[in-house]
Amino acid sequence: MRVRTYEIGDTQQIVKLFYDTVHEVNIRDYTQAQVDAWAPIDIDIPSWTKSLSSKFTFVAEESEKIAGFGELEANGHIDRFYCHKDFQGKGVGTQILEQIELKAKNLGIKKLYTEASITAKPFFESKDFIVVKQQEVERRGQKFINFAMEKII
């Protein structure tokens, strides 16, 4: 497996990975209505391409298949961070996070922060992120619990 920077041609696969992960992994911790609001069937590909291109986006790839991706913003915010449903617990997230941390250090960023889902919280805790607060957010009319987390690097 290798971790590389995002390329525009990755967008379609990344969007499918996101949709599948939310609907097949995050469904353990959220309702069907919540995952439908979180990852709707009609995801706006041009919007995702613009968003992925505007951040430091890292992609884990195994035999031409995208196994995961993570986005770092210049202020230390980790935005989207997802691992393919077939690659959960296989070190993909760890490798992506290592690249994010390396990039952050190179940019002089001292603190990483994210809003982790109930599902992702244990992963981030295992990587020395601490919960700042539990929060309730709304997306497309659905309320979600997630966790503001941070890590000093």
C-alpha atoms as a PDB file:
ATOM      1  CA  MET A   1       0.000   0.000   0.000  1.00  0.00           C
ATOM      2  CA  ARG A   2       1.180   3.489  -0.721  1.00  0.00           C
ATOM      3  CA  VAL A   3      -0.033   6.891   0.396  1.00  0.00           C
ATOM      4  CA  ARG A   4       0.137   9.670  -2.163  1.00  0.00           C
ATOM      5  CA  THR A   5      -1.406  13.049  -2.779  1.00  0.00           C
ATOM      6  CA  TYR A   6      -4.868  13.355  -4.300  1.00  0.00           C
ATOM      7  CA  GLU A   7      -5.328  13.610  -8.062  1.00  0.00           C
ATOM      8  CA  ILE A   8      -8.522  14.883  -9.728  1.00  0.00           C
ATOM      9  CA  GLY A   9      -9.067  11.477 -11.336  1.00  0.00           C
ATOM     10  CA  ASP A  10      -9.520  10.005  -7.825  1.00  0.00           C
ATOM     11  CA  THR A  11     -12.723  11.922  -7.105  1.00  0.00           C
ATOM     12  CA  GLN A  12     -15.255   9.374  -8.370  1.00  0.00           C
ATOM     13  CA  GLN A  13     -13.652   6.540  -6.379  1.00  0.00           C
ATOM     14  CA  ILE A  14     -13.318   8.720  -3.261  1.00  0.00           C
ATOM     15  CA  VAL A  15     -16.978   9.728  -3.374  1.00  0.00           C
ATOM     16  CA  LYS A  16     -18.021   6.072  -3.688  1.00  0.00           C
ATOM     17  CA  LEU A  17     -15.707   5.127  -0.808  1.00  0.00           C
ATOM     18  CA  PHE A  18     -17.244   7.886   1.330  1.00  0.00           C
ATOM     19  CA  TYR A  19     -20.809   6.838   0.511  1.00  0.00           C
ATOM     20  CA  ASP A  20     -20.127   3.126   1.079  1.00  0.00           C
ATOM     21  CA  THR A  21     -18.227   3.701   4.328  1.00  0.00           C
ATOM     22  CA  VAL A  22     -20.933   5.876   5.842  1.00  0.00           C
ATOM     23  CA  HIS A  23     -23.705   3.499   4.758  1.00  0.00           C
ATOM     24  CA  GLU A  24     -21.928   0.244   5.650  1.00  0.00           C
ATOM     25  CA  VAL A  25     -19.626   1.144   8.569  1.00  0.00           C
ATOM     26  CA  ASN A  26     -21.017   4.252  10.280  1.00  0.00           C
ATOM     27  CA  ILE A  27     -24.501   2.702  10.210  1.00  0.00           C
ATOM     28  CA  ARG A  28     -23.361   0.791  13.332  1.00  0.00           C
ATOM     29  CA  ASP A  29     -23.490   4.045  15.302  1.00  0.00           C
ATOM     30  CA  TYR A  30     -26.075   6.138  13.443  1.00  0.00           C
ATOM     31  CA  THR A  31     -29.615   5.638  12.130  1.00  0.00           C
ATOM     32  CA  GLN A  32     -30.526   5.064   8.481  1.00  0.00           C
ATOM     33  CA  ALA A  33     -32.000   8.579   8.304  1.00  0.00           C
ATOM     34  CA  GLN A  34     -28.755  10.016   9.677  1.00  0.00           C
ATOM     35  CA  VAL A  35     -26.471   8.183   7.220  1.00  0.00           C
ATOM     36  CA  ASP A  36     -28.791   9.120   4.326  1.00  0.00           C
ATOM     37  CA  ALA A  37     -28.429  12.790   5.324  1.00  0.00           C
ATOM     38  CA  TRP A  38     -24.676  12.455   5.907  1.00  0.00           C
ATOM     39  CA  ALA A  39     -23.963  10.701   2.599  1.00  0.00           C
ATOM     40  CA  PRO A  40     -26.844  11.259   0.174  1.00  0.00           C
ATOM     41  CA  ILE A  41     -27.106   9.268  -3.028  1.00  0.00           C
ATOM     42  CA  ASP A  42     -26.774  12.447  -5.152  1.00  0.00           C
ATOM     43  CA  ILE A  43     -23.339  13.644  -4.036  1.00  0.00           C
ATOM     44  CA  ASP A  44     -22.149  16.727  -5.949  1.00  0.00           C
ATOM     45  CA  ILE A  45     -18.964  15.519  -7.703  1.00  0.00           C
ATOM     46  CA  PRO A  46     -17.766  18.974  -8.915  1.00  0.00           C
ATOM     47  CA  SER A  47     -18.123  20.316  -5.370  1.00  0.00           C
ATOM     48  CA  TRP A  48     -16.107  17.396  -3.994  1.00  0.00           C
ATOM     49  CA  THR A  49     -13.412  17.854  -6.657  1.00  0.00           C
ATOM     50  CA  LYS A  50     -13.071  21.515  -5.688  1.00  0.00           C
ATOM     51  CA  SER A  51     -12.990  20.693  -1.969  1.00  0.00           C
ATOM     52  CA  LEU A  52     -10.492  17.826  -2.278  1.00  0.00           C
ATOM     53  CA  SER A  53      -8.251  19.978  -4.490  1.00  0.00           C
ATOM     54  CA  SER A  54      -8.288  22.908  -2.067  1.00  0.00           C
ATOM     55  CA  LYS A  55      -6.759  20.933   0.834  1.00  0.00           C
ATOM     56  CA  PHE A  56      -3.769  18.716   1.436  1.00  0.00           C
ATOM     57  CA  THR A  57      -5.560  15.481   0.567  1.00  0.00           C
ATOM     58  CA  PHE A  58      -3.817  12.139   0.973  1.00  0.00           C
ATOM     59  CA  VAL A  59      -4.977   8.922  -0.655  1.00  0.00           C
ATOM     60  CA  ALA A  60      -4.039   5.382   0.376  1.00  0.00           C
ATOM     61  CA  GLU A  61      -3.935   3.098  -2.636  1.00  0.00           C
ATOM     62  CA  GLU A  62      -3.675  -0.681  -2.898  1.00  0.00           C
ATOM     63  CA  SER A  63      -3.478  -2.220  -6.398  1.00  0.00           C
ATOM     64  CA  GLU A  64      -5.165   0.768  -8.088  1.00  0.00           C
ATOM     65  CA  LYS A  65      -7.975   0.720  -5.495  1.00  0.00           C
ATOM     66  CA  ILE A  66      -8.370   3.629  -3.092  1.00  0.00           C
ATOM     67  CA  ALA A  67      -8.352   2.222   0.442  1.00  0.00           C
ATOM     68  CA  GLY A  68      -8.802   5.535   2.259  1.00  0.00           C
ATOM     69  CA  PHE A  69      -8.316   9.273   2.192  1.00  0.00           C
ATOM     70  CA  GLY A  70      -7.823  12.158   4.577  1.00  0.00           C
ATOM     71  CA  GLU A  71      -7.804  15.938   4.217  1.00  0.00           C
ATOM     72  CA  LEU A  72      -5.638  18.449   6.073  1.00  0.00           C
ATOM     73  CA  GLU A  73      -6.423  22.155   5.980  1.00  0.00           C
ATOM     74  CA  ALA A  74      -3.694  24.770   6.439  1.00  0.00           C
ATOM     75  CA  ASN A  75      -4.979  25.622   9.935  1.00  0.00           C
ATOM     76  CA  GLY A  76      -4.516  22.051  11.237  1.00  0.00           C
ATOM     77  CA  HIS A  77      -8.111  20.916  10.720  1.00  0.00           C
ATOM     78  CA  ILE A  78      -8.539  17.335   9.533  1.00  0.00           C
ATOM     79  CA  ASP A  79     -11.745  17.481   7.555  1.00  0.00           C
ATOM     80  CA  ARG A  80     -12.879  14.288   5.843  1.00  0.00           C
ATOM     81  CA  PHE A  81     -11.038  11.119   6.894  1.00  0.00           C
ATOM     82  CA  TYR A  82     -12.414   7.782   5.707  1.00  0.00           C
ATOM     83  CA  CYS A  83     -11.183   4.230   5.170  1.00  0.00           C
ATOM     84  CA  HIS A  84     -12.819   1.859   2.718  1.00  0.00           C
ATOM     85  CA  LYS A  85     -15.182  -0.640   4.321  1.00  0.00           C
ATOM     86  CA  ASP A  86     -12.956  -3.545   3.176  1.00  0.00           C
ATOM     87  CA  PHE A  87      -9.822  -1.961   4.675  1.00  0.00           C
ATOM     88  CA  GLN A  88     -11.035  -1.175   8.204  1.00  0.00           C
ATOM     89  CA  GLY A  89      -8.517  -2.042  10.932  1.00  0.00           C
ATOM     90  CA  LYS A  90      -5.679  -2.765   8.484  1.00  0.00           C
ATOM     91  CA  GLY A  91      -3.468   0.259   9.143  1.00  0.00           C
ATOM     92  CA  VAL A  92      -4.790   2.434   6.324  1.00  0.00           C
ATOM     93  CA  GLY A  93      -5.934   5.237   8.639  1.00  0.00           C
ATOM     94  CA  THR A  94      -2.646   5.097  10.515  1.00  0.00           C
ATOM     95  CA  GLN A  95      -0.648   5.537   7.299  1.00  0.00           C
ATOM     96  CA  ILE A  96      -2.828   8.433   6.134  1.00  0.00           C
ATOM     97  CA  LEU A  97      -2.619  10.132   9.532  1.00  0.00           C
ATOM     98  CA  GLU A  98       1.181   9.752   9.541  1.00  0.00           C
ATOM     99  CA  GLN A  99       1.321  11.644   6.217  1.00  0.00           C
ATOM    100  CA  ILE A 100      -1.050  14.311   7.534  1.00  0.00           C
ATOM    101  CA  GLU A 101       1.091  14.778  10.645  1.00  0.00           C
ATOM    102  CA  LEU A 102       4.287  14.961   8.579  1.00  0.00           C
ATOM    103  CA  LYS A 103       2.737  17.590   6.291  1.00  0.00           C
ATOM    104  CA  ALA A 104       1.410  19.538   9.288  1.00  0.00           C
ATOM    105  CA  LYS A 105       4.866  19.585  10.913  1.00  0.00           C
ATOM    106  CA  ASN A 106       6.410  20.745   7.628  1.00  0.00           C
ATOM    107  CA  LEU A 107       3.859  23.578   7.533  1.00  0.00           C
ATOM    108  CA  GLY A 108       4.671  24.550  11.133  1.00  0.00           C
ATOM    109  CA  ILE A 109       1.268  23.466  12.429  1.00  0.00           C
ATOM    110  CA  LYS A 110       1.396  22.691  16.168  1.00  0.00           C
ATOM    111  CA  LYS A 111      -2.110  21.311  16.722  1.00  0.00           C
ATOM    112  CA  LEU A 112      -4.368  19.043  14.691  1.00  0.00           C
ATOM    113  CA  TYR A 113      -8.097  19.024  15.285  1.00  0.00           C
ATOM    114  CA  THR A 114     -11.115  17.223  13.887  1.00  0.00           C
ATOM    115  CA  GLU A 115     -14.752  16.430  14.446  1.00  0.00           C
ATOM    116  CA  ALA A 116     -14.803  12.651  14.819  1.00  0.00           C
ATOM    117  CA  SER A 117     -17.879  10.517  14.413  1.00  0.00           C
ATOM    118  CA  ILE A 118     -18.864   8.059  17.123  1.00  0.00           C
ATOM    119  CA  THR A 119     -17.348   5.412  14.827  1.00  0.00           C
ATOM    120  CA  ALA A 120     -14.026   7.229  14.300  1.00  0.00           C
ATOM    121  CA  LYS A 121     -13.542   8.415  17.901  1.00  0.00           C
ATOM    122  CA  PRO A 122     -11.705   5.245  19.090  1.00  0.00           C
ATOM    123  CA  PHE A 123      -9.267   5.480  16.153  1.00  0.00           C
ATOM    124  CA  PHE A 124      -8.379   9.093  16.913  1.00  0.00           C
ATOM    125  CA  GLU A 125      -8.101   8.350  20.652  1.00  0.00           C
ATOM    126  CA  SER A 126      -5.643   5.554  19.822  1.00  0.00           C
ATOM    127  CA  LYS A 127      -3.548   8.172  17.984  1.00  0.00           C
ATOM    128  CA  ASP A 128      -3.362  10.464  21.053  1.00  0.00           C
ATOM    129  CA  PHE A 129      -6.187  12.822  20.131  1.00  0.00           C
ATOM    130  CA  ILE A 130      -8.196  13.996  23.130  1.00  0.00           C
ATOM    131  CA  VAL A 131     -11.885  14.787  23.235  1.00  0.00           C
ATOM    132  CA  VAL A 132     -12.432  18.506  23.745  1.00  0.00           C
ATOM    133  CA  LYS A 133     -16.212  18.152  23.776  1.00  0.00           C
ATOM    134  CA  GLN A 134     -19.114  16.067  22.575  1.00  0.00           C
ATOM    135  CA  GLN A 135     -21.329  18.063  20.261  1.00  0.00           C
ATOM    136  CA  GLU A 136     -24.533  17.805  18.293  1.00  0.00           C
ATOM    137  CA  VAL A 137     -24.464  18.966  14.684  1.00  0.00           C
ATOM    138  CA  GLU A 138     -27.183  19.110  12.058  1.00  0.00           C
ATOM    139  CA  ARG A 139     -26.959  18.049   8.442  1.00  0.00           C
ATOM    140  CA  ARG A 140     -29.912  17.998   6.048  1.00  0.00           C
ATOM    141  CA  GLY A 141     -32.385  18.077   8.912  1.00  0.00           C
ATOM    142  CA  GLN A 142     -30.771  15.267  10.911  1.00  0.00           C
ATOM    143  CA  LYS A 143     -28.943  15.749  14.213  1.00  0.00           C
ATOM    144  CA  PHE A 144     -25.701  13.884  14.837  1.00  0.00           C
ATOM    145  CA  ILE A 145     -23.428  13.376  17.812  1.00  0.00           C
ATOM    146  CA  ASN A 146     -19.742  13.827  17.087  1.00  0.00           C
ATOM    147  CA  PHE A 147     -16.644  14.768  19.043  1.00  0.00           C
ATOM    148  CA  ALA A 148     -14.381  17.783  18.748  1.00  0.00           C
ATOM    149  CA  MET A 149     -10.913  16.272  19.194  1.00  0.00           C
ATOM    150  CA  GLU A 150      -7.373  17.635  19.080  1.00  0.00           C
ATOM    151  CA  LYS A 151      -3.762  16.590  19.264  1.00  0.00           C
ATOM    152  CA  ILE A 152      -0.648  18.649  19.915  1.00  0.00           C
ATOM    153  CA  ILE A 153       2.124  17.612  17.525  1.00  0.00           C
END
